[in-house]
């Protein structure tokens, strides 16, 4: 017999985004239920023993477990229940909300709710997703798995390590392994610029004398039972290995830090529109997706640099989910956000102007701009003004660009912009106006270096 559980809101994921969403939902008066597949709440923070977390949110330098401890304490104080070691096998929309079928040690459960928050985080790319050829021996790990082995299990993945990719987790693991006595032969990055934060490159590589090889990649893995070495090669400007530059590097371990992908299989099953660039749901500033009653936050929406921003989006999603569950949510009027040339991504993809308030934008550029480029946001009040919400929403889905012809919302000159480093700014959603066709983000490269 299937156990039926009814609640106002369900939060899928018990990491920092999910705990923030559940806490803010409960504090708004709606009882949420957290569903988490691991045995403890806290998400990836549980294994991140380095500090640097909480500088924005708590104005303190915390380790990952310390940050997670505060999240759990807040959720406990708010009376948030959680189903641990529970997997959601299916999700569907019902007449009055959603129905989730879940499986855990206690059997099969049906959880019914009015609103749903997706805080499912992201997963790591593997060697097969970056097309590394050769043998399939033991000793190939993602950076997150290597971090779990060292920090939680107390195990060393190997004695001589090559790291592919200069993402932040890979950089941090280069330092961590070195501190544990492992020889890190080098970090190989296929792009001409590091993929991690500048401070991590400096603190994790330069301070420990670990070589960083740019425009280079691993092309093959060698070894039968265990990794014996890898082949590395330089790449051209199209990221293709250059013949004649191959060289073999002896090692017993290959650690991959080659990118993160938001986990959104359940979002797709609920027909939640996904942004092809961020690979997360399209959302407004309240973290409401284009599917009524479905909210998303944290790394499930887009990969964040700071956990503080993950928690911030969780707070917004939880408050919005509470309003929807109680029927207090007003009809939305969505204005699409269009990012012009030079932007890699921009979130949110829509601004709801029905309730005013503030809208915080996060963006990344597609190239390094070190000389003070000018970023602006303005209203385009063109021919589409006054169209119904659905038509405006569809206008943002086709990826077309536009130039702003109306009110200026924001303008700032940045001293440097790098694709790995996310930037943010806040505008007054009430200043957008009912006649808005779009909010257009522009990046003025011509102004770089002036002023």
Protein backbone atom coordinates (compact mmCIF):
# COMPACT_ATOMS: atom_id res chain seq x y z
CA UNK A 1 0.00 0.00 0.00
CA UNK A 2 1.32 3.45 -0.93
CA UNK A 3 1.68 5.91 1.91
CA UNK A 4 0.12 9.28 1.01
CA UNK A 5 1.64 12.48 2.42
CA UNK A 6 0.05 15.88 1.89
CA UNK A 7 1.88 19.16 2.45
CA UNK A 8 1.75 22.75 1.27
CA UNK A 9 5.11 22.74 -0.53
CA UNK A 10 7.83 20.26 -1.40
CA UNK A 11 11.49 21.18 -1.75
CA UNK A 12 13.53 18.71 -3.78
CA UNK A 13 17.08 18.81 -2.47
CA UNK A 14 18.53 19.41 0.98
CA UNK A 15 21.60 21.43 0.05
CA UNK A 16 22.07 25.14 0.76
CA UNK A 17 19.46 26.18 -1.83
CA UNK A 18 16.89 23.67 -0.61
CA UNK A 19 17.41 24.42 3.08
CA UNK A 20 17.10 28.16 2.47
CA UNK A 21 13.94 27.62 0.39
CA UNK A 22 12.35 25.34 3.00
CA UNK A 23 13.23 27.69 5.87
CA UNK A 24 11.88 30.81 4.16
CA UNK A 25 8.74 28.91 3.12
CA UNK A 26 8.12 27.80 6.70
CA UNK A 27 8.83 31.28 8.02
CA UNK A 28 6.19 32.58 5.59
CA UNK A 29 3.60 30.30 7.18
CA UNK A 30 3.52 27.29 4.83
CA UNK A 31 4.75 23.90 6.05
CA UNK A 32 7.23 22.49 3.51
CA UNK A 33 8.72 19.01 3.17
CA UNK A 34 12.33 18.52 2.09
CA UNK A 35 13.10 15.41 0.05
CA UNK A 36 16.82 14.54 0.00
CA UNK A 37 18.51 11.53 -1.55
CA UNK A 38 21.53 11.56 0.80
CA UNK A 39 21.58 10.46 4.43
CA UNK A 40 22.34 13.95 5.77
CA UNK A 41 21.26 17.47 4.87
CA UNK A 42 23.78 20.04 3.68
CA UNK A 43 24.55 19.06 0.11
CA UNK A 44 28.06 19.42 -1.28
CA UNK A 45 29.02 21.70 1.63
CA UNK A 46 29.51 18.68 3.88
CA UNK A 47 32.74 17.77 2.07
CA UNK A 48 34.07 21.31 1.46
CA UNK A 49 36.34 21.71 4.47
CA UNK A 50 38.13 24.79 3.06
CA UNK A 51 36.98 28.23 4.18
CA UNK A 52 35.66 31.19 2.20
CA UNK A 53 31.93 30.50 2.54
CA UNK A 54 29.50 32.97 4.09
CA UNK A 55 31.35 36.23 3.42
CA UNK A 56 28.29 37.81 1.78
CA UNK A 57 25.52 36.19 3.83
CA UNK A 58 27.08 36.09 7.30
CA UNK A 59 30.01 38.52 6.91
CA UNK A 60 32.24 35.72 8.21
CA UNK A 61 34.70 33.30 6.66
CA UNK A 62 33.22 29.83 7.23
CA UNK A 63 34.07 26.33 6.11
CA UNK A 64 31.47 24.38 4.14
CA UNK A 65 30.37 22.23 7.12
CA UNK A 66 30.07 25.36 9.29
CA UNK A 67 27.85 27.01 6.67
CA UNK A 68 25.73 23.85 6.38
CA UNK A 69 25.41 23.70 10.18
CA UNK A 70 23.83 27.16 10.18
CA UNK A 71 21.46 26.13 7.37
CA UNK A 72 20.36 23.05 9.29
CA UNK A 73 19.91 25.05 12.51
CA UNK A 74 17.66 27.55 10.74
CA UNK A 75 15.57 24.77 9.17
CA UNK A 76 15.28 23.00 12.52
CA UNK A 77 14.16 26.22 14.22
CA UNK A 78 11.52 26.69 11.52
CA UNK A 79 10.24 23.14 12.09
CA UNK A 80 11.09 21.86 8.61
CA UNK A 81 10.70 18.05 8.24
CA UNK A 82 12.84 16.05 5.81
CA UNK A 83 12.64 12.67 4.11
CA UNK A 84 16.25 11.45 3.82
CA UNK A 85 17.67 8.75 1.54
CA UNK A 86 14.59 9.24 -0.60
CA UNK A 87 14.46 9.18 -4.38
CA UNK A 88 11.74 10.72 -6.53
CA UNK A 89 10.85 8.25 -9.26
CA UNK A 90 8.23 10.41 -10.99
CA UNK A 91 6.49 13.77 -10.76
CA UNK A 92 3.26 14.86 -12.38
CA UNK A 93 0.89 17.79 -12.26
CA UNK A 94 -2.57 17.32 -10.72
CA UNK A 95 -5.70 19.47 -10.68
CA UNK A 96 -4.66 21.19 -7.45
CA UNK A 97 -0.87 20.89 -7.48
CA UNK A 98 1.64 18.08 -7.89
CA UNK A 99 2.04 14.41 -7.08
CA UNK A 100 5.48 12.89 -6.47
CA UNK A 101 6.16 9.18 -6.20
CA UNK A 102 9.08 8.57 -3.85
CA UNK A 103 11.02 5.50 -2.75
CA UNK A 104 13.05 5.00 0.44
CA UNK A 105 13.75 2.33 3.05
CA UNK A 106 10.19 2.71 4.32
CA UNK A 107 8.68 1.80 0.96
CA UNK A 108 6.83 3.76 -1.71
CA UNK A 109 5.21 7.10 -0.90
CA UNK A 110 3.02 9.55 -2.77
CA UNK A 111 3.67 13.14 -1.76
CA UNK A 112 1.04 15.70 -2.76
CA UNK A 113 1.69 19.42 -2.63
CA UNK A 114 0.48 22.76 -3.94
CA UNK A 115 3.87 24.17 -4.93
CA UNK A 116 7.17 22.58 -5.86
CA UNK A 117 10.72 23.93 -5.44
CA UNK A 118 13.52 22.40 -7.51
CA UNK A 119 16.77 22.69 -5.56
CA UNK A 120 18.46 19.69 -7.14
CA UNK A 121 21.90 21.24 -7.66
CA UNK A 122 24.22 20.08 -10.42
CA UNK A 123 26.40 17.15 -11.42
CA UNK A 124 29.94 16.89 -12.76
CA UNK A 125 30.89 16.11 -16.33
CA UNK A 126 32.81 12.87 -16.76
CA UNK A 127 35.65 11.75 -19.01
CA UNK A 128 33.19 10.34 -21.57
CA UNK A 129 31.45 13.70 -21.84
CA UNK A 130 34.70 15.42 -22.84
CA UNK A 131 35.69 12.61 -25.23
CA UNK A 132 38.88 11.29 -23.66
CA UNK A 133 40.00 8.15 -25.46
CA UNK A 134 42.12 5.20 -24.39
CA UNK A 135 41.75 2.57 -21.70
CA UNK A 136 39.23 2.50 -18.85
CA UNK A 137 41.36 1.69 -15.80
CA UNK A 138 40.80 2.49 -12.15
CA UNK A 139 42.12 5.86 -11.05
CA UNK A 140 39.91 8.27 -13.02
CA UNK A 141 37.84 10.47 -10.72
CA UNK A 142 35.75 13.60 -10.92
CA UNK A 143 37.05 16.37 -8.67
CA UNK A 144 34.00 16.15 -6.42
CA UNK A 145 34.46 12.41 -5.90
CA UNK A 146 38.15 12.88 -5.13
CA UNK A 147 37.19 15.59 -2.64
CA UNK A 148 34.71 13.25 -0.95
CA UNK A 149 37.31 10.49 -0.70
CA UNK A 150 39.91 12.75 0.91
CA UNK A 151 37.78 14.96 3.15
CA UNK A 152 35.05 12.54 4.25
CA UNK A 153 36.43 9.01 3.84
CA UNK A 154 40.05 9.82 4.66
CA UNK A 155 41.34 8.06 1.54
CA UNK A 156 43.90 9.16 -1.04
CA UNK A 157 42.89 8.59 -4.68
CA UNK A 158 46.53 8.16 -5.73
CA UNK A 159 50.12 9.28 -5.30
CA UNK A 160 50.85 11.10 -8.58
CA UNK A 161 47.95 13.05 -10.01
CA UNK A 162 47.16 14.90 -13.22
CA UNK A 163 44.20 17.28 -13.07
CA UNK A 164 42.26 18.08 -16.24
CA UNK A 165 40.37 21.35 -16.09
CA UNK A 166 40.91 24.44 -13.96
CA UNK A 167 37.44 24.73 -12.47
CA UNK A 168 37.26 25.82 -8.86
CA UNK A 169 36.84 22.31 -7.43
CA UNK A 170 39.84 21.10 -9.43
CA UNK A 171 41.97 24.01 -8.23
CA UNK A 172 40.97 23.42 -4.62
CA UNK A 173 41.74 19.71 -4.95
CA UNK A 174 45.17 20.48 -6.41
CA UNK A 175 45.98 22.28 -3.16
CA UNK A 176 44.25 19.72 -0.95
CA UNK A 177 46.08 16.76 -2.48
CA UNK A 178 49.40 18.60 -2.24
CA UNK A 179 48.81 19.22 1.46
CA UNK A 180 48.21 15.48 1.89
CA UNK A 181 51.54 14.64 0.31
CA UNK A 182 50.30 13.74 -3.18
CA UNK A 183 52.43 14.88 -6.13
CA UNK A 184 50.23 16.98 -8.43
CA UNK A 185 52.08 16.89 -11.76
CA UNK A 186 50.05 19.78 -13.14
CA UNK A 187 46.67 21.21 -14.07
CA UNK A 188 45.78 21.16 -17.77
CA UNK A 189 43.20 23.62 -19.12
CA UNK A 190 41.96 23.41 -22.71
CA UNK A 191 41.06 27.10 -22.83
CA UNK A 192 43.61 29.94 -23.01
CA UNK A 193 42.34 31.29 -19.67
CA UNK A 194 41.76 29.54 -16.32
CA UNK A 195 38.17 28.39 -15.73
CA UNK A 196 38.21 29.09 -12.00
CA UNK A 197 38.16 32.21 -9.87
CA UNK A 198 41.31 34.29 -9.90
CA UNK A 199 41.75 33.97 -6.15
CA UNK A 200 41.67 30.17 -6.41
CA UNK A 201 44.29 30.17 -9.16
CA UNK A 202 46.53 32.28 -6.95
CA UNK A 203 45.89 30.56 -3.62
CA UNK A 204 45.68 26.96 -4.84
CA UNK A 205 48.25 26.82 -7.64
CA UNK A 206 50.67 29.75 -7.53
CA UNK A 207 51.14 29.62 -3.74
CA UNK A 208 52.01 25.91 -3.93
CA UNK A 209 54.08 25.94 -7.11
CA UNK A 210 51.66 23.72 -9.03
CA UNK A 211 52.05 24.16 -12.81
CA UNK A 212 49.07 25.39 -14.85
CA UNK A 213 49.20 24.43 -18.53
CA UNK A 214 46.83 26.56 -20.62
CA UNK A 215 45.62 25.62 -24.12
CA UNK A 216 46.43 22.00 -23.33
CA UNK A 217 44.33 18.91 -22.70
CA UNK A 218 44.43 15.18 -21.97
CA UNK A 219 43.83 13.19 -25.14
CA UNK A 220 44.20 9.59 -23.89
CA UNK A 221 44.36 7.51 -20.71
CA UNK A 222 46.72 4.50 -20.45
CA UNK A 223 46.64 1.52 -18.15
CA UNK A 224 44.90 -1.83 -17.80
CA UNK A 225 44.01 -2.40 -14.17
CA UNK A 226 45.19 1.02 -12.98
CA UNK A 227 46.09 4.32 -14.62
CA UNK A 228 49.75 4.26 -15.68
CA UNK A 229 49.81 7.61 -17.45
CA UNK A 230 48.05 10.01 -19.77
CA UNK A 231 48.81 11.66 -23.08
CA UNK A 232 48.56 15.45 -23.13
CA UNK A 233 48.71 17.79 -26.11
CA UNK A 234 48.48 21.47 -26.91
CA UNK A 235 45.34 22.71 -28.69
CA UNK A 236 44.69 25.28 -31.40
CA UNK A 237 42.28 28.22 -31.24
CA UNK A 238 39.41 25.84 -32.04
CA UNK A 239 40.37 23.63 -29.08
CA UNK A 240 41.59 20.79 -31.32
CA UNK A 241 44.77 18.87 -30.34
CA UNK A 242 47.80 19.93 -32.38
CA UNK A 243 49.61 17.01 -34.05
CA UNK A 244 53.20 16.73 -32.94
CA UNK A 245 52.65 18.27 -29.50
CA UNK A 246 51.64 15.02 -27.76
CA UNK A 247 53.64 13.87 -24.76
CA UNK A 248 53.11 11.13 -22.22
CA UNK A 249 52.86 12.00 -18.53
CA UNK A 250 53.31 9.19 -15.98
CA UNK A 251 50.67 9.22 -13.22
CA UNK A 252 48.42 6.85 -11.30
CA UNK A 253 45.37 9.16 -11.07
CA UNK A 254 43.45 11.51 -13.38
CA UNK A 255 41.14 14.02 -11.69
CA UNK A 256 38.53 15.72 -13.89
CA UNK A 257 37.32 19.27 -13.25
CA UNK A 258 35.62 19.83 -16.59
CA UNK A 259 32.39 21.58 -15.73
CA UNK A 260 29.05 21.23 -13.98
CA UNK A 261 25.60 20.55 -15.40
CA UNK A 262 22.38 21.54 -13.54
CA UNK A 263 20.26 18.52 -12.58
CA UNK A 264 16.90 19.09 -14.23
CA UNK A 265 15.48 15.76 -15.32
CA UNK A 266 12.40 16.27 -13.11
CA UNK A 267 11.95 19.79 -14.47
CA UNK A 268 11.89 18.39 -17.99
CA UNK A 269 9.32 15.77 -16.98
CA UNK A 270 7.04 18.60 -15.77
CA UNK A 271 7.48 20.48 -19.06
CA UNK A 272 9.42 23.31 -17.41
CA UNK A 273 11.12 25.32 -20.20
CA UNK A 274 14.92 25.04 -19.96
CA UNK A 275 17.44 27.69 -21.00
CA UNK A 276 19.83 26.06 -23.51
CA UNK A 277 22.76 28.16 -22.26
CA UNK A 278 22.48 27.76 -18.48
CA UNK A 279 20.77 24.34 -18.79
CA UNK A 280 18.50 25.39 -15.95
CA UNK A 281 14.84 26.47 -15.91
CA UNK A 282 13.96 29.93 -17.18
CA UNK A 283 12.88 31.95 -14.14
CA UNK A 284 11.77 35.40 -13.09
CA UNK A 285 13.37 37.35 -10.23
CA UNK A 286 11.19 35.45 -7.73
CA UNK A 287 12.59 32.13 -9.01
CA UNK A 288 9.22 31.16 -10.50
CA UNK A 289 9.65 29.10 -13.66
CA UNK A 290 7.38 29.35 -16.69
CA UNK A 291 5.40 26.41 -15.27
CA UNK A 292 2.83 27.63 -12.74
CA UNK A 293 3.63 26.54 -9.21
CA UNK A 294 7.13 25.26 -10.02
CA UNK A 295 10.06 27.22 -8.57
CA UNK A 296 13.78 26.64 -8.98
CA UNK A 297 16.85 27.92 -7.17
CA UNK A 298 20.55 27.52 -6.65
CA UNK A 299 22.73 25.55 -9.02
CA UNK A 300 19.68 23.88 -10.56
CA UNK A 301 19.05 27.24 -12.27
CA UNK A 302 22.64 28.17 -13.13
CA UNK A 303 26.03 27.35 -11.68
CA UNK A 304 26.90 29.95 -9.04
CA UNK A 305 30.31 31.10 -7.85
CA UNK A 306 29.27 31.65 -4.22
CA UNK A 307 27.06 29.57 -1.96
CA UNK A 308 25.79 32.85 -0.51
CA UNK A 309 24.03 33.56 -3.82
CA UNK A 310 22.67 30.00 -3.86
CA UNK A 311 21.05 30.60 -0.47
CA UNK A 312 19.76 33.99 -1.59
CA UNK A 313 17.92 32.41 -4.51
CA UNK A 314 16.60 29.69 -2.19
CA UNK A 315 15.10 32.32 0.11
CA UNK A 316 13.33 33.93 -2.85
CA UNK A 317 12.03 30.59 -4.13
CA UNK A 318 10.73 29.60 -0.70
CA UNK A 319 8.83 32.86 -0.20
CA UNK A 320 7.32 32.58 -3.67
CA UNK A 321 6.34 28.95 -3.14
CA UNK A 322 4.58 29.90 0.10
CA UNK A 323 2.56 32.61 -1.65
CA UNK A 324 1.53 30.16 -4.37
CA UNK A 325 0.56 27.44 -1.90
CA UNK A 326 -1.73 29.79 0.00
CA UNK A 327 -3.29 31.28 -3.14
CA UNK A 328 -1.82 34.73 -2.43
CA UNK A 329 0.23 34.87 -5.63
CA UNK A 330 -0.95 37.56 -8.05
CA UNK A 331 -1.11 36.98 -11.81
CA UNK A 332 2.30 37.59 -13.34
CA UNK A 333 3.22 40.09 -16.03
CA UNK A 334 6.51 38.87 -17.43
CA UNK A 335 8.91 41.03 -19.40
CA UNK A 336 11.65 39.04 -21.18
CA UNK A 337 15.31 39.80 -20.62
CA UNK A 338 17.47 39.84 -23.76
CA UNK A 339 21.23 39.71 -23.42
CA UNK A 340 23.13 41.34 -26.29
CA UNK A 341 26.47 40.48 -27.85
CA UNK A 342 29.27 39.68 -25.43
CA UNK A 343 27.13 37.96 -22.77
CA UNK A 344 27.50 34.25 -22.14
CA UNK A 345 24.41 34.04 -19.92
CA UNK A 346 22.00 36.17 -17.92
CA UNK A 347 19.60 35.18 -15.13
CA UNK A 348 16.71 35.79 -14.55
CA UNK A 349 15.36 35.44 -18.07
CA UNK A 350 12.18 37.37 -17.15
CA UNK A 351 11.16 40.14 -14.78
CA UNK A 352 7.70 40.06 -13.23
CA UNK A 353 6.55 43.68 -13.08
CA UNK A 354 3.21 42.94 -11.40
CA UNK A 355 4.49 43.40 -7.85
CA UNK A 356 7.35 45.90 -8.14
CA UNK A 357 10.28 45.34 -5.82
CA UNK A 358 13.88 44.62 -6.75
CA UNK A 359 15.22 42.33 -9.45
CA UNK A 360 18.78 41.03 -9.12
CA UNK A 361 20.55 39.99 -12.33
CA UNK A 362 23.48 37.60 -12.61
CA UNK A 363 25.55 37.51 -15.78
CA UNK A 364 28.72 36.14 -17.34
CA UNK A 365 30.59 37.46 -20.37
CA UNK A 366 31.82 35.19 -23.16
CA UNK A 367 35.33 36.66 -23.23
CA UNK A 368 37.86 38.29 -20.93
CA UNK A 369 37.41 42.08 -20.82
CA UNK A 370 40.05 43.61 -18.55
CA UNK A 371 39.74 47.30 -19.45
CA UNK A 372 36.51 48.56 -17.93
CA UNK A 373 33.70 47.57 -20.29
CA UNK A 374 30.34 49.27 -19.74
CA UNK A 375 27.36 47.06 -18.84
CA UNK A 376 23.89 48.59 -19.15
CA UNK A 377 20.28 47.53 -18.74
CA UNK A 378 17.42 49.48 -20.29
CA UNK A 379 13.79 49.06 -21.25
CA UNK A 380 12.91 48.47 -24.87
CA UNK A 381 9.37 49.86 -25.29
CA UNK A 382 8.92 48.78 -28.90
CA UNK A 383 6.12 47.41 -31.01
CA UNK A 384 5.52 44.55 -28.63
CA UNK A 385 4.36 46.77 -25.77
CA UNK A 386 1.02 45.78 -24.41
CA UNK A 387 1.14 42.21 -25.73
CA UNK A 388 -0.13 39.47 -23.41
CA UNK A 389 2.31 37.78 -21.06
CA UNK A 390 2.50 34.58 -23.10
CA UNK A 391 3.59 36.38 -26.25
CA UNK A 392 6.27 38.23 -24.33
CA UNK A 393 7.49 34.97 -22.85
CA UNK A 394 7.72 33.37 -26.28
CA UNK A 395 9.70 36.35 -27.55
CA UNK A 396 12.50 35.53 -25.13
CA UNK A 397 12.60 31.89 -26.14
CA UNK A 398 13.80 32.46 -29.68
CA UNK A 399 17.14 33.93 -28.56
CA UNK A 400 16.78 37.09 -30.62
CA UNK A 401 18.59 40.23 -29.54
CA UNK A 402 17.36 43.78 -29.41
CA UNK A 403 18.66 47.24 -28.67
CA UNK A 404 17.15 49.27 -25.87
CA UNK A 405 15.30 52.38 -26.93
CA UNK A 406 13.65 53.41 -23.67
CA UNK A 407 14.34 53.96 -19.97
CA UNK A 408 17.74 53.24 -18.50
CA UNK A 409 17.64 50.89 -15.50
CA UNK A 410 21.31 50.32 -14.76
CA UNK A 411 24.76 51.29 -15.99
CA UNK A 412 28.15 50.38 -14.57
CA UNK A 413 31.73 50.22 -15.76
CA UNK A 414 33.56 47.08 -14.60
CA UNK A 415 37.31 47.07 -14.10
CA UNK A 416 37.53 43.51 -15.43
CA UNK A 417 35.12 40.83 -16.60
CA UNK A 418 35.97 37.12 -16.95
CA UNK A 419 33.64 34.28 -18.03
CA UNK A 420 34.37 32.19 -14.88
CA UNK A 421 33.48 35.08 -12.57
CA UNK A 422 29.78 35.82 -12.26
CA UNK A 423 28.73 39.43 -11.74
CA UNK A 424 25.44 40.80 -10.48
CA UNK A 425 23.46 44.02 -10.23
CA UNK A 426 20.01 45.04 -9.00
CA UNK A 427 17.32 47.13 -10.67
CA UNK A 428 13.92 48.43 -9.62
CA UNK A 429 11.34 46.15 -11.22
CA UNK A 430 8.70 48.83 -10.70
CA UNK A 431 10.63 51.16 -13.01
CA UNK A 432 10.25 48.81 -15.98
CA UNK A 433 6.72 49.98 -16.78
CA UNK A 434 3.66 48.37 -18.35
CA UNK A 435 4.72 49.40 -21.84
CA UNK A 436 7.94 47.35 -21.74
CA UNK A 437 8.60 44.95 -24.59
CA UNK A 438 11.89 43.71 -23.14
CA UNK A 439 14.74 44.51 -20.79
CA UNK A 440 17.90 44.61 -22.87
CA UNK A 441 21.37 44.03 -21.46
CA UNK A 442 24.19 45.58 -23.47
CA UNK A 443 27.96 45.34 -23.20
CA UNK A 444 29.84 48.29 -24.68
CA UNK A 445 33.31 47.10 -25.63
CA UNK A 446 34.05 50.38 -27.43
CA UNK A 447 34.01 52.21 -24.12
CA UNK A 448 36.62 49.88 -22.60
CA UNK A 449 39.53 51.77 -21.16
CA UNK A 450 37.88 55.20 -21.05
CA UNK A 451 37.31 57.13 -17.86
